[in-house]
Amino acid sequence: MAPNPLPIETASLLLRHFDLKDAPAALLLSNEETSRAGLPSQVYRDHGHAVSALAFLMRHYSTPGNPRHGPYVLAVEHRSHGVLIGHVRFSPLGEEVEIGFSIAQDYQGQGLATEAIVAASRWAFEAFELDTIVAVTSAVNTASKRTLARAGFVHERDESMNFQGTVQDVSVYALSPGAVHEIDR
């Protein structure tokens, strides 16, 4: 069965490929307080840096075009507002594929991260024929842990690893294709 093509529409969101026109919004999102604290490796210095980072990510849609071998990052747009509010990233983590996500501060606490993760995971399982998707979050990031659990991810273990540029305690979660559940909104 062929995977559902992009974009992915959910009740509230549109998940799509990034475009260079997203650079101004991506720059603003990367410099929000929660992004600077939680994703310091993804903070852009200026517009040029945001354009360069997006161009790099966009090249990976076809080269290699597979999250087992390089990043595959989807833009998350709010359907009713038509604005970029975050991203969902799939990337290699050893022999596995890891998911990462970020939602703008003004849109947090509304279930949108869960909605994006469920839709993107369902798509990625089909598109890339994945057996499992893993997620790694800081052990102290209770909001991300709750979001992953709501999206059907199961806590597997806690460990110390290099995460966002420093060795820290993390929690590792996993999702199998059969565990992806519907979000009724």
Protein backbone atom coordinates (compact mmCIF):
# COMPACT_ATOMS: atom_id res chain seq x y z
CA MET A 1 0.00 0.00 0.00
CA ALA A 2 1.38 3.41 -0.96
CA PRO A 3 1.80 5.84 1.93
CA ASN A 4 -0.47 8.83 2.24
CA PRO A 5 1.20 11.71 0.44
CA LEU A 6 2.09 15.01 2.03
CA PRO A 7 0.67 17.29 3.19
CA ILE A 8 -1.05 15.57 6.09
CA GLU A 9 -4.21 17.26 7.32
CA THR A 10 -5.52 16.70 10.83
CA ALA A 11 -8.39 18.41 12.63
CA SER A 12 -6.18 21.38 13.53
CA LEU A 13 -2.92 21.00 11.65
CA LEU A 14 -1.24 20.76 8.28
CA LEU A 15 2.03 18.79 8.27
CA ARG A 16 4.11 19.51 5.19
CA HIS A 17 7.61 19.93 3.84
CA PHE A 18 9.43 23.08 4.83
CA ASP A 19 9.90 25.86 2.30
CA LEU A 20 12.44 28.69 2.41
CA LYS A 21 9.54 31.12 2.95
CA ASP A 22 9.26 29.54 6.43
CA ALA A 23 12.61 31.05 7.49
CA PRO A 24 11.25 34.14 9.30
CA ALA A 25 8.77 32.06 11.33
CA ALA A 26 11.37 29.33 11.99
CA LEU A 27 13.79 31.98 13.28
CA LEU A 28 11.16 33.33 15.68
CA LEU A 29 10.18 29.85 16.87
CA SER A 30 13.79 28.81 17.45
CA ASN A 31 14.34 31.83 19.69
CA GLU A 32 11.36 31.30 21.97
CA GLU A 33 12.31 30.67 25.58
CA THR A 34 11.13 27.03 25.56
CA SER A 35 13.04 26.29 22.34
CA ARG A 36 16.24 27.93 23.59
CA ALA A 37 16.03 25.87 26.79
CA GLY A 38 14.88 22.55 25.32
CA LEU A 39 16.47 22.57 21.86
CA PRO A 40 19.60 24.73 22.08
CA SER A 41 21.16 23.00 19.07
CA GLN A 42 18.24 24.21 16.92
CA VAL A 43 18.40 27.94 17.71
CA TYR A 44 19.08 30.15 14.68
CA ARG A 45 21.28 33.26 15.02
CA ASP A 46 19.63 35.30 12.28
CA HIS A 47 17.55 35.09 9.08
CA GLY A 48 20.52 33.83 7.03
CA HIS A 49 21.18 31.03 9.52
CA ALA A 50 17.48 30.02 9.42
CA VAL A 51 17.52 29.97 5.59
CA SER A 52 20.70 27.86 5.60
CA ALA A 53 19.27 25.39 8.14
CA LEU A 54 16.00 25.03 6.22
CA ALA A 55 17.87 24.55 2.92
CA PHE A 56 19.91 21.79 4.58
CA LEU A 57 16.75 20.09 5.88
CA MET A 58 14.96 20.45 2.55
CA ARG A 59 17.83 18.73 0.69
CA HIS A 60 17.22 15.69 2.88
CA TYR A 61 13.70 15.24 1.49
CA SER A 62 15.35 13.55 -1.50
CA THR A 63 18.96 12.97 -0.44
CA PRO A 64 18.69 10.53 1.28
CA GLY A 65 14.91 10.91 1.68
CA ASN A 66 14.87 8.37 4.50
CA PRO A 67 15.10 9.07 8.24
CA ARG A 68 17.23 5.96 8.73
CA HIS A 69 20.04 7.85 6.95
CA GLY A 70 19.40 11.55 7.56
CA PRO A 71 16.92 14.02 9.01
CA TYR A 72 13.39 14.22 7.62
CA VAL A 73 11.65 17.21 9.17
CA LEU A 74 8.03 18.22 8.65
CA ALA A 75 6.70 21.73 9.20
CA VAL A 76 3.65 21.95 11.46
CA GLU A 77 1.21 24.65 10.40
CA HIS A 78 -1.97 25.61 12.26
CA ARG A 79 -4.79 25.16 9.73
CA SER A 80 -7.14 27.87 10.96
CA HIS A 81 -4.39 30.46 11.48
CA GLY A 82 -2.19 29.45 8.53
CA VAL A 83 0.98 30.01 10.56
CA LEU A 84 4.00 27.80 11.17
CA ILE A 85 3.82 26.65 14.80
CA GLY A 86 6.51 23.98 14.96
CA HIS A 87 8.02 20.85 13.50
CA VAL A 88 8.16 17.07 13.79
CA ARG A 89 11.56 15.53 13.03
CA PHE A 90 12.53 11.97 12.18
CA SER A 91 16.24 11.15 12.22
CA PRO A 92 18.62 8.24 12.67
CA LEU A 93 19.55 7.21 16.21
CA GLY A 94 21.91 4.27 15.87
CA GLU A 95 19.92 1.57 14.11
CA GLU A 96 16.60 3.19 15.02
CA VAL A 97 14.59 6.20 13.89
CA GLU A 98 13.98 8.90 16.47
CA ILE A 99 11.13 11.41 16.53
CA GLY A 100 11.53 14.91 17.91
CA PHE A 101 9.06 17.76 18.04
CA SER A 102 8.56 21.36 19.01
CA ILE A 103 5.42 23.49 19.19
CA ALA A 104 5.32 27.28 19.64
CA GLN A 105 4.81 28.47 23.21
CA ASP A 106 1.47 30.14 22.41
CA TYR A 107 0.11 26.82 21.08
CA GLN A 108 1.32 24.53 23.87
CA GLY A 109 -1.12 22.87 26.25
CA GLN A 110 -3.79 22.45 23.54
CA GLY A 111 -3.00 18.88 22.44
CA LEU A 112 -1.44 20.05 19.17
CA ALA A 113 1.92 18.37 19.78
CA THR A 114 0.15 15.07 20.40
CA GLU A 115 -1.96 15.56 17.26
CA ALA A 116 1.17 16.28 15.20
CA ILE A 117 3.13 13.34 16.63
CA VAL A 118 0.32 10.84 16.02
CA ALA A 119 -0.27 12.00 12.42
CA ALA A 120 3.44 12.21 11.57
CA SER A 121 4.19 8.81 13.16
CA ARG A 122 1.36 7.09 11.31
CA TRP A 123 2.65 8.61 8.06
CA ALA A 124 6.30 7.71 8.77
CA PHE A 125 5.47 4.07 9.60
CA GLU A 126 3.85 3.74 6.16
CA ALA A 127 6.19 5.95 4.15
CA PHE A 128 9.41 4.41 5.44
CA GLU A 129 8.20 0.95 6.52
CA LEU A 130 9.48 1.45 10.06
CA ASP A 131 9.20 -1.21 12.76
CA THR A 132 9.57 1.19 15.68
CA ILE A 133 9.96 4.90 16.32
CA VAL A 134 11.87 5.97 19.44
CA ALA A 135 11.77 9.27 21.30
CA VAL A 136 14.36 10.68 23.67
CA THR A 137 13.59 13.51 26.08
CA SER A 138 15.32 15.08 29.01
CA ALA A 139 14.39 13.15 32.15
CA VAL A 140 13.15 16.39 33.73
CA ASN A 141 10.92 17.38 30.79
CA THR A 142 7.61 16.16 32.19
CA ALA A 143 5.56 17.97 29.50
CA SER A 144 7.29 16.06 26.69
CA LYS A 145 6.95 12.79 28.60
CA ARG A 146 3.18 13.34 29.00
CA THR A 147 2.85 14.28 25.32
CA LEU A 148 4.68 11.14 24.20
CA ALA A 149 2.50 8.96 26.45
CA ARG A 150 -0.69 10.55 25.07
CA ALA A 151 0.60 9.81 21.55
CA GLY A 152 0.96 6.12 22.42
CA PHE A 153 4.70 5.99 23.13
CA VAL A 154 5.75 3.62 25.92
CA HIS A 155 8.54 4.42 28.38
CA GLU A 156 11.37 1.91 27.86
CA ARG A 157 14.23 3.10 30.02
CA ASP A 158 16.14 5.96 31.61
CA GLU A 159 19.82 6.47 30.90
CA SER A 160 22.55 9.08 30.59
CA MET A 161 23.60 10.12 27.09
CA ASN A 162 24.80 13.04 25.03
CA PHE A 163 21.58 14.98 24.45
CA GLN A 164 21.38 18.49 23.02
CA GLY A 165 25.13 18.93 23.35
CA THR A 166 25.59 17.79 26.96
CA VAL A 167 25.60 14.48 28.79
CA GLN A 168 22.35 14.32 30.74
CA ASP A 169 19.75 11.96 32.10
CA VAL A 170 17.13 11.13 29.49
CA SER A 171 14.00 9.03 29.18
CA VAL A 172 13.65 6.79 26.11
CA TYR A 173 10.22 5.95 24.69
CA ALA A 174 9.15 3.70 21.81
CA LEU A 175 6.14 3.36 19.54
CA SER A 176 5.17 0.42 17.35
CA PRO A 177 2.91 0.73 14.29
CA GLY A 178 0.00 -1.00 16.01
CA ALA A 179 0.12 1.39 18.96
CA VAL A 180 -0.50 4.56 16.94
CA HIS A 181 -3.95 5.61 17.99
CA GLU A 182 -6.47 8.12 16.72
CA ILE A 183 -6.77 11.53 18.34
CA ASP A 184 -10.40 12.58 18.31
CA ARG A 185 -10.62 16.34 18.20
